Structures are given as structure tokens and as C-alpha cells.
Amino acid sequence: MTLQISAILLASGLSKRMGGTDKLFLSYKGKTLLQHAVDLLDSQSFYEKILVTTSERLKYVDRPQQIRIIMNHNPEAGQSESLRLGVEAATGESYLFFAADQPRLAPTDLHLILASARVNKNKIIYPSIDGNPSTPTLFPASFRSDLLNLTGDVGGRAVRDTYPEACLPVEVECRKDFFDIDSEEDWKKMLAMG
């Protein structure tokens, strides 16, 4: 039986560490970071696909019809607001949270996470690089109330850290694919990777 995964792309952060630049509009290989993330989401056959974003960003993205749009009108409330909106909209057995700042992430990078999810339905599953957690992260729906109760600029990591016994890190091989951009220095590193 196929696991019903609600794939949730969180794309309404304020890019505070980018010096006034909206990082999701940065161009990488001819597309914005946001468009890379939307295209990755669209390429997969998840139970449902949800994009949480702002009205300003939505103007500049080609959005496939299969992706449900949830507007975040209060991004100043922090990561928890995006996450809450995504979880409230989700109806699947688990939630796979994507960040919009990993433009190198490819469908093949998801295989280990999804394969692990099929046989570990009660585990919080995430990619690990030398023991350090990365994203995307999958939460079983049994953690729904914990996710909905988050407040402020806090994401799913807080829930993951609360339940270490429920966590299943998956060590990844293509480390560069999981590189995320949080600062101008990260952006320069990304460009240097080619």
C-alpha cells in the first residue's frame, strides 16, 4: 500500500540573513530558487502537493495546477506560521516539508527518504550529512498537534528534537544537492560549486 504523503513546500520566509535580498528570486541555472523548488515538487507523484507562499512571490512563479496554493498573509510570525498553514491544509498520512532554498535538490535525492518512509511509517525521517540534519523532513501525521502548536520563528526541528527516539536520519551521498542558502556567503558558495 502506498503511503499518502502530503508534500509541503514552505516558501514564505523573510530572507532576513540575505541583506535585504529575497533569496527565492535569486537565479540559479536560468530559474529562480523558488521555481526550482516548485518544479521539483511538480515532478513527484505525491498524494497531494501544497505550496505555502506570499502573494508577492506567487506573481513570479509558474505554478502547475496540481499544486494547491496556501497564502501566508503573516510571514512576520516566523517559520511556525508557514508550517502551521501547510499542516492545516494537509490531509495525508505524513507530511514531507521542503524548503525553497535548495536548488540542487533532485528527484533522485528523495529516493532514500521515501524508501525509508515506506517501511518506517511512525518515524520522523530526514537526510543527514555527517550526522547533521538537513531537509526535506518527513513527519508522520501523528505529530500533527505538535507541529500545529509551534509558535514564533521555529520550524519542525523543534518537534524533531523533542522526540529523538522517533527520529530516523538517512545518511546521503550527494551532499552538495542538500546545500541550502541562508546567507550571502551561502549563495557565493553555491555559485562556486558550479
Protein backbone atom coordinates (compact mmCIF):
# COMPACT_ATOMS: atom_id res chain seq x y z
CA MET A 1 0.00 0.00 0.00
CA THR A 2 1.31 3.44 -0.95
CA LEU A 3 2.00 5.93 1.81
CA GLN A 4 -0.17 9.04 1.38
CA ILE A 5 2.38 11.85 1.61
CA SER A 6 1.38 15.49 1.73
CA ALA A 7 4.34 17.34 0.22
CA ILE A 8 4.51 20.86 1.63
CA LEU A 9 6.81 23.50 0.13
CA LEU A 10 7.44 26.30 2.62
CA ALA A 11 8.21 29.47 0.66
CA SER A 12 7.10 32.46 2.70
CA GLY A 13 10.13 33.25 4.87
CA LEU A 14 11.53 36.77 5.07
CA SER A 15 15.14 36.04 3.96
CA LYS A 16 16.40 38.01 6.97
CA ARG A 17 20.02 36.90 6.58
CA MET A 18 20.29 37.93 2.91
CA GLY A 19 20.87 41.65 3.46
CA GLY A 20 17.57 42.81 2.01
CA THR A 21 17.57 40.47 -1.00
CA ASP A 22 14.72 37.99 -1.44
CA LYS A 23 16.75 34.83 -1.84
CA LEU A 24 13.92 32.95 -3.53
CA PHE A 25 14.21 35.29 -6.52
CA LEU A 26 17.94 34.57 -6.96
CA SER A 27 18.64 32.92 -10.30
CA TYR A 28 20.36 29.54 -10.48
CA LYS A 29 20.82 27.82 -13.85
CA GLY A 30 18.23 30.04 -15.51
CA LYS A 31 15.47 29.74 -12.90
CA THR A 32 14.73 31.33 -9.56
CA LEU A 33 15.27 29.27 -6.44
CA LEU A 34 11.52 29.28 -5.92
CA GLN A 35 10.86 27.95 -9.42
CA HIS A 36 13.41 25.15 -8.91
CA ALA A 37 11.55 24.10 -5.76
CA VAL A 38 8.12 24.26 -7.42
CA ASP A 39 9.37 22.23 -10.39
CA LEU A 40 10.81 19.57 -8.08
CA LEU A 41 7.51 19.33 -6.23
CA ASP A 42 5.60 19.09 -9.50
CA SER A 43 7.87 16.30 -10.78
CA GLN A 44 6.84 13.92 -7.98
CA SER A 45 3.65 11.89 -7.62
CA PHE A 46 2.75 12.70 -4.05
CA TYR A 47 -0.72 12.19 -2.58
CA GLU A 48 -1.04 15.98 -2.51
CA LYS A 49 1.23 18.95 -3.17
CA ILE A 50 0.96 22.19 -1.22
CA LEU A 51 2.83 25.47 -1.66
CA VAL A 52 2.76 27.93 1.24
CA THR A 53 3.88 31.34 -0.02
CA THR A 54 3.12 35.05 -0.18
CA SER A 55 1.10 36.94 -2.78
CA GLU A 56 4.22 38.84 -3.90
CA ARG A 57 6.17 35.65 -4.63
CA LEU A 58 3.25 33.96 -6.30
CA LYS A 59 3.29 36.61 -9.04
CA TYR A 60 6.69 35.38 -10.21
CA VAL A 61 6.32 31.63 -10.33
CA ASP A 62 4.87 29.26 -12.92
CA ARG A 63 2.61 27.10 -10.80
CA PRO A 64 1.24 23.79 -12.01
CA GLN A 65 -2.43 23.13 -11.38
CA GLN A 66 -1.68 20.03 -9.29
CA ILE A 67 -0.11 22.20 -6.59
CA ARG A 68 -2.51 23.69 -4.06
CA ILE A 69 -1.62 27.25 -3.06
CA ILE A 70 -1.93 28.40 0.54
CA MET A 71 -1.31 32.09 1.14
CA ASN A 72 0.67 33.21 4.18
CA HIS A 73 -0.57 36.71 4.97
CA ASN A 74 1.51 36.91 8.14
CA PRO A 75 5.09 35.80 7.33
CA GLU A 76 6.37 38.08 10.10
CA ALA A 77 5.05 35.48 12.58
CA GLY A 78 8.01 33.27 11.66
CA GLN A 79 8.56 29.75 10.37
CA SER A 80 5.84 28.30 12.56
CA GLU A 81 3.16 30.25 10.67
CA SER A 82 4.11 28.73 7.30
CA LEU A 83 4.37 25.30 8.82
CA ARG A 84 1.01 25.63 10.57
CA LEU A 85 -0.73 26.72 7.37
CA GLY A 86 0.75 23.80 5.48
CA VAL A 87 -0.20 21.24 8.12
CA GLU A 88 -3.75 22.63 8.42
CA ALA A 89 -4.18 22.19 4.67
CA ALA A 90 -2.67 18.68 4.57
CA THR A 91 -4.79 15.52 4.64
CA GLY A 92 -2.13 12.85 4.13
CA GLU A 93 -0.73 10.19 6.46
CA SER A 94 2.55 12.09 6.64
CA TYR A 95 3.96 15.50 5.80
CA LEU A 96 7.15 15.97 3.78
CA PHE A 97 8.40 19.52 4.28
CA PHE A 98 10.52 21.09 1.56
CA ALA A 99 12.48 24.33 1.82
CA ALA A 100 12.62 26.57 -1.23
CA ASP A 101 16.33 27.34 -0.87
CA GLN A 102 17.88 24.04 -2.07
CA PRO A 103 18.05 24.48 -5.85
CA ARG A 104 20.37 21.48 -6.38
CA LEU A 105 17.91 19.04 -4.82
CA ALA A 106 16.84 16.44 -7.41
CA PRO A 107 14.17 13.71 -7.55
CA THR A 108 16.85 11.04 -7.03
CA ASP A 109 17.82 12.71 -3.74
CA LEU A 110 14.37 11.91 -2.39
CA HIS A 111 14.54 8.15 -3.03
CA LEU A 112 16.23 7.18 0.25
CA ILE A 113 13.81 9.26 2.32
CA LEU A 114 10.75 7.90 0.54
CA ALA A 115 12.02 4.30 0.67
CA SER A 116 12.65 4.64 4.39
CA ALA A 117 9.19 6.14 4.90
CA ARG A 118 7.51 3.13 3.32
CA VAL A 119 8.89 0.77 5.98
CA ASN A 120 9.10 3.21 8.90
CA LYS A 121 5.69 4.88 8.93
CA ASN A 122 5.97 6.09 12.51
CA LYS A 123 9.38 7.73 12.18
CA ILE A 124 10.47 11.32 11.58
CA ILE A 125 12.80 10.88 8.61
CA TYR A 126 15.36 13.35 7.33
CA PRO A 127 18.60 13.42 5.35
CA SER A 128 21.79 13.52 7.37
CA ILE A 129 25.19 14.85 6.30
CA ASP A 130 27.99 13.66 8.57
CA GLY A 131 25.44 13.39 11.38
CA ASN A 132 23.96 16.85 10.76
CA PRO A 133 20.22 17.04 9.92
CA SER A 134 19.11 18.53 6.61
CA THR A 135 15.83 18.84 4.72
CA PRO A 136 13.38 17.75 3.35
CA THR A 137 11.96 16.23 6.52
CA LEU A 138 9.06 13.79 6.79
CA PHE A 139 6.74 13.76 9.80
CA PRO A 140 4.02 11.16 10.36
CA ALA A 141 0.60 12.72 10.88
CA SER A 142 0.76 11.51 14.49
CA PHE A 143 2.90 14.61 15.11
CA ARG A 144 0.24 16.93 13.70
CA SER A 145 -0.72 18.55 17.01
CA ASP A 146 2.95 19.11 17.93
CA LEU A 147 3.55 20.83 14.60
CA LEU A 148 0.41 22.96 14.90
CA ASN A 149 1.38 24.09 18.40
CA LEU A 150 4.70 25.61 17.32
CA THR A 151 4.97 29.39 17.65
CA GLY A 152 7.42 32.08 16.58
CA ASP A 153 10.38 31.62 14.29
CA VAL A 154 10.58 27.89 14.96
CA GLY A 155 10.24 25.07 12.46
CA GLY A 156 9.86 21.31 12.56
CA ARG A 157 13.31 20.93 14.09
CA ALA A 158 11.79 21.75 17.49
CA VAL A 159 9.43 18.77 17.19
CA ARG A 160 12.21 16.53 15.90
CA ASP A 161 14.44 17.48 18.84
CA THR A 162 11.62 16.75 21.30
CA TYR A 163 11.28 13.15 20.08
CA PRO A 164 14.81 11.83 19.38
CA GLU A 165 13.60 8.23 19.79
CA ALA A 166 11.21 8.75 16.85
CA CYS A 167 13.90 10.08 14.50
CA LEU A 168 15.44 8.18 11.63
CA PRO A 169 18.31 10.06 9.95
CA VAL A 170 19.25 8.83 6.48
CA GLU A 171 22.88 9.47 5.53
CA VAL A 172 23.04 10.91 1.99
CA GLU A 173 25.72 10.60 -0.66
CA CYS A 174 25.20 13.67 -2.86
CA ARG A 175 25.89 16.20 -0.13
CA LYS A 176 26.02 19.22 -2.44
CA ASP A 177 22.45 18.56 -3.52
CA PHE A 178 21.24 19.28 0.01
CA PHE A 179 23.11 22.58 0.34
CA ASP A 180 20.72 25.33 1.39
CA ILE A 181 21.09 29.08 1.05
CA ASP A 182 20.55 31.17 4.16
CA SER A 183 23.06 33.99 3.67
CA GLU A 184 25.02 35.86 1.03
CA GLU A 185 28.03 33.73 1.93
CA ASP A 186 25.99 30.56 1.25
CA TRP A 187 24.96 31.99 -2.12
CA LYS A 188 28.59 32.60 -3.07
CA LYS A 189 29.44 29.03 -2.06
CA MET A 190 26.58 27.74 -4.19
CA LEU A 191 27.79 29.64 -7.25
CA ALA A 192 31.32 28.36 -6.65
CA MET A 193 30.02 24.79 -6.79
CA GLY A 194 29.03 25.32 -10.43
